[in-house]
């Protein structure tokens, strides 16, 4: 059973538009049970803040402020990318003993789940009574076990609307546009660009995800074929595309404490693909002047205000409150996951607890059957029923019948 004491909650990894909903879900549920959690503290910069003794006391925040924070994108407690070491564990437990901490909640992705698992195992080994819960978060939608991840729906909505805007721009002044979308190992976010298609010939016309090997030669041929057919081409490319054997197309060579490679944040991949297309077209279609551009969405996808999925916000809050409920029910540790019940108008979810080790470290890819055989587009009849409930309503657009 849970042992009453101080609760500490932290945020880790990349921020999202709804990660604070999960934070406030934890905080409100804990503040409602002061008999179990006499103090509710926020670790500033995650486990780094625990080690450094930097906390905020949520009892000093007004309900109005908490609600406003919940609806504010980014990590209100500030984030960190740090994997707990044995030395960190000693410092963390020394701080927890000092503060009487018996419950630790960590909000983030698979690396955060790994850190939560490490802290839990350290506590068991040390005989320290500590409840450890991971609350899911990632725009990549690549956590194992759960149907989907809080943060993904809002980021997918941003990607869909960004491609809608690019498509409208591209219809007016035709050319070739390459957009690089986040997704190291999974193409979920890149695939969401398909929601931008409203009318025939709307972009993105080609979609490339990490679930298949990428060939520059085939890429150039694919783009030229679309370009010759309709006079323009918009392409969605995941930052994690790779050649045979998993070799990256363009990488910086930098890695974080969890061993994750930095990918397209510099814009290098988009620039490389744009230059490759220019060179190819200059040879294959020299009589025409070609307009080729590239953008890297980068951090814009994560915390864009005003482009938040309503269902994503609701579910993110629920993930936090469900974690506290699970702890109070006697679960010593775990990760909160979603199970989908129905789709379309009947869509809903239920939460459940999965062991930390089932989520920690490893990721899951998008099912290969969501992509076409050529690996250059999605199979919309399979993807969209999964995706639409998570994103919600998108802007309506029109076009003149006499213009096309």
Foldseek 3Di string as FASTA:
>chain_A
DFAAFAEEEEEADWWFQQLLLLVLLQVVLCVVPCVRHVWYWYQQAPLVSLLVVDIDTCVPDDPVVSVVSRRATDTPSHYYQDADDPVSLVSNVVSCVVRGAAEYEYEEAQQRLQSLVVNLVSCVVVVHRHFTEYEFADLQQWFPPFLGTQRVQLLLLVLLVVLLVVQVVCVVPPAEEEEEEEHQQACSSLQSVVNSDDDPPGDQPWEFIQVDADDLVVVLVVQVVSCVVPVHHYYRYYQNHHHPPSHHPDFDPDATNLGDTHTCQPVVVFVVSQVSNVVVCCVVPVVDDHDYYYDYCPSVSGHPPPRGAPVSNVVSSVSNNVRVVVVVVPRRYFYKHWDWDDWDPPTDIDIDTDHSVSGHDDTHYDPPQQADPVNTHGDCVVPVRSNDVSHDDHDDDDDDPVPD
